[in-house]
Amino acid sequence: MEEKARTGRCVVAVDGPSGSGKSTVSRRLAVSLGARYLDTGAMYRAVTWAVLRSGVDLADASSVAKVAGETDLRIGTDPQGYGVTADGVHVEVEIRGPEVTSAVSAVAAVPAVRAILVARQREMIAAAGRIVVEGRDIGSVVAPDADLKVYLTASEAARAARRSVEDATDVAVTAADLARRDRLDSTRTADPLTQAADAVVLDTTELGIDEVVARLRDLLTERGVA
């Protein structure tokens, strides 16, 4: 711990289902720590965009993996304004659209796709030194040696309400889609959504963003890496 505190290295892994507050909390925490920020979900979404653009069958795992391996994927790590490009195209807006959202779980379930992106994520984490990484398998697979592993959760109703506001969609439709993605992400064979054994579980249903960030800062201070 003293070594990491002295050198300033700090890796925070934030996992959890959609709508639990991962993105907002992770970005705010990164700014608070003066650290970088990595949204691994955006990487899977960008690859999904490339797969859809290529026209390959989503059920053809080898073709999907080929697209993933050949896509020139670039993602910024500035928590206050990161960009995402795939083959030179800025896709920040497109990857949040309904077409990508409906297909991303299928693409992310392909083992070869996960292997490609996990390798890239680990390289980015190693290069950053101080970084907050969010996703679904960060503490369990991508960064098992993270200084702090957090699993954010919230009630299904709260998650659906938050996401419907973000996406301007009907709450009932959003709830059904979240349930579908939860099922796919938690039951896939490769790197499923799961809580790392040593992760701190934090229910954000009744908590504000600032409260969550403050709790995480306290945990990091206790570990000597804030």
Protein backbone atom coordinates (compact mmCIF):
# COMPACT_ATOMS: atom_id res chain seq x y z
CA MET A 1 0.00 0.00 0.00
CA GLU A 2 2.76 2.44 0.91
CA GLU A 3 4.49 1.81 -2.41
CA LYS A 4 1.35 2.66 -4.39
CA ALA A 5 0.59 5.71 -2.27
CA ARG A 6 4.11 7.04 -2.77
CA THR A 7 4.17 6.53 -6.53
CA GLY A 8 0.61 7.77 -6.95
CA ARG A 9 -0.61 4.62 -8.68
CA CYS A 10 -4.29 3.92 -8.06
CA VAL A 11 -6.65 1.58 -9.89
CA VAL A 12 -10.35 1.56 -9.02
CA ALA A 13 -12.61 -1.11 -10.56
CA VAL A 14 -16.30 -0.22 -10.71
CA ASP A 15 -18.72 -2.95 -11.79
CA GLY A 16 -22.47 -3.32 -11.78
CA PRO A 17 -25.57 -3.53 -13.97
CA SER A 18 -26.91 -0.77 -16.21
CA GLY A 19 -28.54 2.11 -14.37
CA SER A 20 -26.65 1.57 -11.12
CA GLY A 21 -24.76 4.83 -11.57
CA LYS A 22 -21.42 3.43 -12.76
CA SER A 23 -20.66 5.99 -15.43
CA THR A 24 -21.50 9.15 -13.51
CA VAL A 25 -19.88 7.92 -10.30
CA SER A 26 -16.75 6.71 -12.09
CA ARG A 27 -16.23 9.97 -13.97
CA ARG A 28 -16.79 12.09 -10.86
CA LEU A 29 -14.45 9.91 -8.85
CA ALA A 30 -11.77 10.12 -11.54
CA VAL A 31 -11.97 13.92 -11.55
CA SER A 32 -11.81 13.96 -7.75
CA LEU A 33 -8.70 11.76 -7.78
CA GLY A 34 -7.00 13.52 -10.67
CA ALA A 35 -7.09 10.17 -12.44
CA ARG A 36 -7.94 8.88 -15.90
CA TYR A 37 -11.28 7.23 -16.67
CA LEU A 38 -12.03 4.21 -18.84
CA ASP A 39 -15.53 3.25 -19.94
CA THR A 40 -15.07 -0.34 -21.11
CA GLY A 41 -18.72 -0.52 -22.11
CA ALA A 42 -18.06 2.15 -24.73
CA MET A 43 -15.39 -0.11 -26.21
CA TYR A 44 -17.85 -2.99 -26.62
CA ARG A 45 -20.42 -0.60 -28.02
CA ALA A 46 -17.95 0.79 -30.55
CA VAL A 47 -17.06 -2.71 -31.70
CA THR A 48 -20.77 -3.50 -31.94
CA TRP A 49 -21.23 -0.41 -34.12
CA ALA A 50 -18.43 -1.67 -36.38
CA VAL A 51 -19.95 -5.15 -36.54
CA LEU A 52 -23.37 -3.75 -37.50
CA ARG A 53 -21.76 -1.49 -40.07
CA SER A 54 -19.91 -4.44 -41.61
CA GLY A 55 -23.14 -6.35 -42.13
CA VAL A 56 -21.87 -9.64 -40.68
CA ASP A 57 -24.31 -11.97 -38.94
CA LEU A 58 -24.30 -11.39 -35.18
CA ALA A 59 -24.64 -15.15 -34.72
CA ASP A 60 -21.40 -15.76 -36.64
CA ALA A 61 -18.90 -15.55 -33.76
CA SER A 62 -15.80 -15.92 -35.92
CA SER A 63 -16.84 -13.09 -38.25
CA VAL A 64 -17.79 -10.87 -35.32
CA ALA A 65 -14.40 -11.53 -33.72
CA LYS A 66 -12.64 -10.77 -37.01
CA VAL A 67 -14.31 -7.36 -37.17
CA ALA A 68 -13.35 -6.70 -33.54
CA GLY A 69 -9.73 -7.55 -34.23
CA GLU A 70 -9.53 -5.39 -37.34
CA THR A 71 -11.36 -2.32 -36.04
CA ASP A 72 -9.14 0.65 -35.28
CA LEU A 73 -10.69 1.48 -31.92
CA ARG A 74 -9.61 4.56 -30.00
CA ILE A 75 -11.10 5.80 -26.73
CA GLY A 76 -10.03 8.77 -24.68
CA THR A 77 -9.47 8.59 -20.92
CA ASP A 78 -10.14 12.21 -19.95
CA PRO A 79 -13.05 12.00 -17.45
CA GLN A 80 -14.26 15.46 -18.44
CA GLY A 81 -14.45 14.83 -22.15
CA TYR A 82 -13.40 11.59 -23.77
CA GLY A 83 -13.96 10.65 -27.39
CA VAL A 84 -14.64 7.31 -29.06
CA THR A 85 -13.68 6.55 -32.66
CA ALA A 86 -13.94 3.37 -34.69
CA ASP A 87 -11.97 3.26 -37.95
CA GLY A 88 -11.59 7.03 -37.78
CA VAL A 89 -15.30 7.74 -37.30
CA HIS A 90 -16.46 9.57 -34.18
CA VAL A 91 -19.19 7.32 -32.78
CA GLU A 92 -19.97 8.80 -29.35
CA VAL A 93 -23.61 9.39 -30.32
CA GLU A 94 -24.15 6.31 -32.47
CA ILE A 95 -22.98 3.83 -29.83
CA ARG A 96 -25.71 5.00 -27.44
CA GLY A 97 -28.49 4.48 -29.98
CA PRO A 98 -31.11 1.71 -29.81
CA GLU A 99 -29.57 -0.39 -32.60
CA VAL A 100 -26.24 -0.74 -30.81
CA THR A 101 -27.90 -1.09 -27.41
CA SER A 102 -29.98 -4.03 -28.60
CA ALA A 103 -26.98 -5.82 -30.10
CA VAL A 104 -24.11 -5.08 -27.70
CA SER A 105 -24.80 -7.95 -25.28
CA ALA A 106 -24.60 -10.47 -28.15
CA VAL A 107 -21.30 -9.05 -29.39
CA ALA A 108 -19.86 -8.80 -25.87
CA ALA A 109 -20.70 -12.46 -25.27
CA VAL A 110 -18.25 -13.64 -27.96
CA PRO A 111 -15.18 -14.98 -26.08
CA ALA A 112 -12.71 -13.86 -28.77
CA VAL A 113 -14.12 -10.31 -28.69
CA ARG A 114 -13.70 -10.20 -24.94
CA ALA A 115 -10.14 -11.50 -25.18
CA ILE A 116 -9.24 -8.74 -27.66
CA LEU A 117 -10.78 -5.92 -25.64
CA VAL A 118 -9.61 -7.15 -22.23
CA ALA A 119 -6.04 -7.14 -23.53
CA ARG A 120 -6.46 -3.55 -24.75
CA GLN A 121 -8.06 -2.51 -21.46
CA ARG A 122 -5.19 -3.94 -19.44
CA GLU A 123 -2.69 -2.05 -21.60
CA MET A 124 -4.56 1.21 -21.02
CA ILE A 125 -4.75 0.61 -17.27
CA ALA A 126 -1.03 -0.10 -17.07
CA ALA A 127 -0.21 3.04 -19.04
CA ALA A 128 -2.48 5.31 -16.99
CA GLY A 129 -1.18 4.61 -13.50
CA ARG A 130 -4.11 6.37 -11.82
CA ILE A 131 -7.41 5.34 -13.34
CA VAL A 132 -11.04 4.54 -12.57
CA VAL A 133 -12.34 1.74 -14.78
CA GLU A 134 -16.01 0.86 -15.13
CA GLY A 135 -17.67 -2.16 -16.66
CA ARG A 136 -19.10 -5.56 -15.82
CA ASP A 137 -15.99 -7.70 -15.34
CA ILE A 138 -13.35 -5.23 -14.18
CA GLY A 139 -12.78 -6.48 -10.64
CA SER A 140 -13.26 -10.12 -11.56
CA VAL A 141 -11.31 -10.30 -14.84
CA VAL A 142 -9.74 -7.13 -16.22
CA ALA A 143 -8.09 -5.72 -13.06
CA PRO A 144 -8.25 -8.34 -10.30
CA ASP A 145 -5.45 -6.53 -8.44
CA ALA A 146 -7.24 -3.17 -8.35
CA ASP A 147 -6.72 -1.09 -5.21
CA LEU A 148 -10.47 -0.86 -4.75
CA LYS A 149 -13.19 -3.02 -6.27
CA VAL A 150 -16.71 -1.69 -6.10
CA TYR A 151 -19.96 -3.32 -7.16
CA LEU A 152 -22.68 -0.71 -7.57
CA THR A 153 -26.28 -1.85 -7.54
CA ALA A 154 -29.75 -0.34 -7.20
CA SER A 155 -33.35 -1.48 -7.24
CA GLU A 156 -34.78 -2.44 -10.62
CA ALA A 157 -37.26 0.43 -10.38
CA ALA A 158 -34.55 3.00 -9.66
CA ARG A 159 -32.35 1.73 -12.45
CA ALA A 160 -35.18 1.81 -14.98
CA ALA A 161 -36.22 5.31 -13.91
CA ARG A 162 -32.67 6.66 -14.25
CA ARG A 163 -32.05 5.09 -17.62
CA SER A 164 -35.41 6.16 -19.04
CA VAL A 165 -34.61 9.77 -18.14
CA GLU A 166 -31.16 9.51 -19.74
CA ASP A 167 -32.50 7.94 -22.93
CA ALA A 168 -35.90 9.70 -22.98
CA THR A 169 -37.70 6.36 -23.21
CA ASP A 170 -40.74 4.79 -21.57
CA VAL A 171 -39.97 3.40 -18.10
CA ALA A 172 -41.70 0.07 -18.70
CA VAL A 173 -39.88 -0.46 -22.00
CA THR A 174 -36.59 0.50 -20.37
CA ALA A 175 -37.18 -1.87 -17.46
CA ALA A 176 -37.81 -4.75 -19.84
CA ASP A 177 -34.65 -3.97 -21.81
CA LEU A 178 -32.54 -3.75 -18.64
CA ALA A 179 -33.91 -7.11 -17.48
CA ARG A 180 -33.00 -8.60 -20.87
CA ARG A 181 -29.46 -7.24 -20.74
CA ASP A 182 -28.99 -8.30 -17.12
CA ARG A 183 -29.98 -11.84 -18.05
CA LEU A 184 -27.67 -11.97 -21.06
CA ASP A 185 -24.71 -10.33 -19.31
CA SER A 186 -24.93 -12.45 -16.16
CA THR A 187 -25.38 -15.80 -17.93
CA ARG A 188 -22.86 -15.54 -20.76
CA THR A 189 -20.05 -18.09 -20.69
CA ALA A 190 -17.17 -15.63 -21.08
CA ASP A 191 -16.55 -13.13 -18.27
CA PRO A 192 -20.15 -12.73 -17.05
CA LEU A 193 -21.38 -9.78 -15.03
CA THR A 194 -20.50 -10.80 -11.49
CA GLN A 195 -19.48 -9.38 -8.16
CA ALA A 196 -15.81 -9.95 -7.32
CA ALA A 197 -15.42 -11.82 -4.04
CA ASP A 198 -13.55 -8.91 -2.42
CA ALA A 199 -15.64 -6.10 -3.90
CA VAL A 200 -17.39 -3.51 -1.75
CA VAL A 201 -21.10 -3.65 -2.56
CA LEU A 202 -22.86 -0.29 -2.56
CA ASP A 203 -26.60 0.09 -3.13
CA THR A 204 -27.16 3.48 -4.77
CA THR A 205 -30.97 3.39 -4.76
CA GLU A 206 -31.29 6.05 -2.06
CA LEU A 207 -27.91 7.72 -2.50
CA GLY A 208 -26.95 10.83 -4.46
CA ILE A 209 -23.90 10.83 -6.73
CA ASP A 210 -21.89 13.01 -4.36
CA GLU A 211 -22.64 10.65 -1.47
CA VAL A 212 -21.45 7.64 -3.44
CA VAL A 213 -18.26 9.40 -4.53
CA ALA A 214 -17.57 10.52 -0.95
CA ARG A 215 -17.90 6.94 0.30
CA LEU A 216 -15.51 5.67 -2.33
CA ARG A 217 -13.00 8.40 -1.50
CA ASP A 218 -13.20 7.34 2.16
CA LEU A 219 -12.52 3.72 1.20
CA LEU A 220 -9.50 4.77 -0.86
CA THR A 221 -8.19 6.92 1.98
CA GLU A 222 -8.43 3.91 4.30
CA ARG A 223 -6.35 1.96 1.78
CA GLY A 224 -3.79 4.74 1.52
CA VAL A 225 -4.22 5.31 -2.21
CA ALA A 226 -6.59 8.31 -2.44
